[in-house]
Amino acid sequence: MNIGNRNWTRTLLACAIAGSLQTVPAIAAADIILSAKAVDAADDNRFFTRVGGTVRQTLSFIGLKPSVPYTAAVQLFNTTTQERIGDVVIETFQPNAADGEMAIELPMPQNRTDFNIDYVVLTSVYEGNLDAEDFAEAQAVAKLDDMTDIDNTVQSHAIQSVSVTASTDAGLSLPPEGGVIRARVDYENLVAGYAYTVWGQLMTPSGQVTGIYASAPDFVPDDKRGALDLEFTVPEGWDGIRLVPTVGLYHKSRVQLSADGLLSFVEDAAMPVMIASDLSVDDAAQTIEVGTPFEDSPEE
């Protein structure tokens, strides 16, 4: 980070100030160039779960005046509603060189809709230390408002979901010696091109674990909705038991798999780790009978 005097001041201005920022045209100096990269501060990617979080914009600049104070005003722009949202976040800084970068953080709201929302991080830079009353007359020396800049765009997910149906070569049963249970995992509202881990385990209808796992450790969907299959290999020894595949959808970067297929959370992983799940153990469409189930089996 190439910034001197890092005693920055952060102020959250009221939405009324946002209105003044929209109505005052920004004048970009020809010799000042801004660029930025916006990510989720929790794990450095541009995708947010529906619960929101903190956006970190790394603002790079070329051509500012060293040792001169500047003020950066930053706000999210909802590309669906075409509206600025939230308060304007203000950072004052004083570069010790003409070229450098600085980090600015602002809140990402929750997504309560049924669709994903893209937000562009709008940024204006002003010369001087500006207070709230100064913005009505201020003119920006440079700004970032390119709605097509993917590096400066973050996405808030809608509710993501998975649902499971199970089958075997014989329908909904296995022979006493075991076999393969296929779990079809239908998903909704995933992000195309983003890496997930899909992991499941077989359980009994009473919720007891079996130690039989299956996973797609690096699943990258082509579309926001679709399906994939997990295959669970059932060994001998489960004759008379009903088995149910349960499945979770996880951030790939926040989980790890052991040699035996057991999933665990990465130490200090950002929350949430699990994005969606289907943990039903009483759904007939997910229940496989092995041999002839014992109606009063203690394992169930």
Foldseek 3Di string as FASTA:
>chain_A
DQFPPPPKDKDWDDCVLVVLVVVAAAAADPQKDKDKFKPAPQPRHQEAELAWHKIKIKMKMAADDAQFKKKKWKFKAWPVVRHTDGTIIIIIGGGRDRTDIDIDMDTTHGHADQAKIKIAIKMFMFTDDDDSVPSNPTHGNDIDDDPPPPRRMGMYFYQKEKDWFKADPVGQEAEQQWFKIKIKIKIAGDDAQAWKKKKKFKAFLVGHGDLWIWIDLTDGDRDRTDIDMTMTTDGHDQAQTKIFIKMWIFRSVQWDADPSGDIDGDPPRDPDGTRYIDGHSPDPRGIHHYHHHDPPDPRD
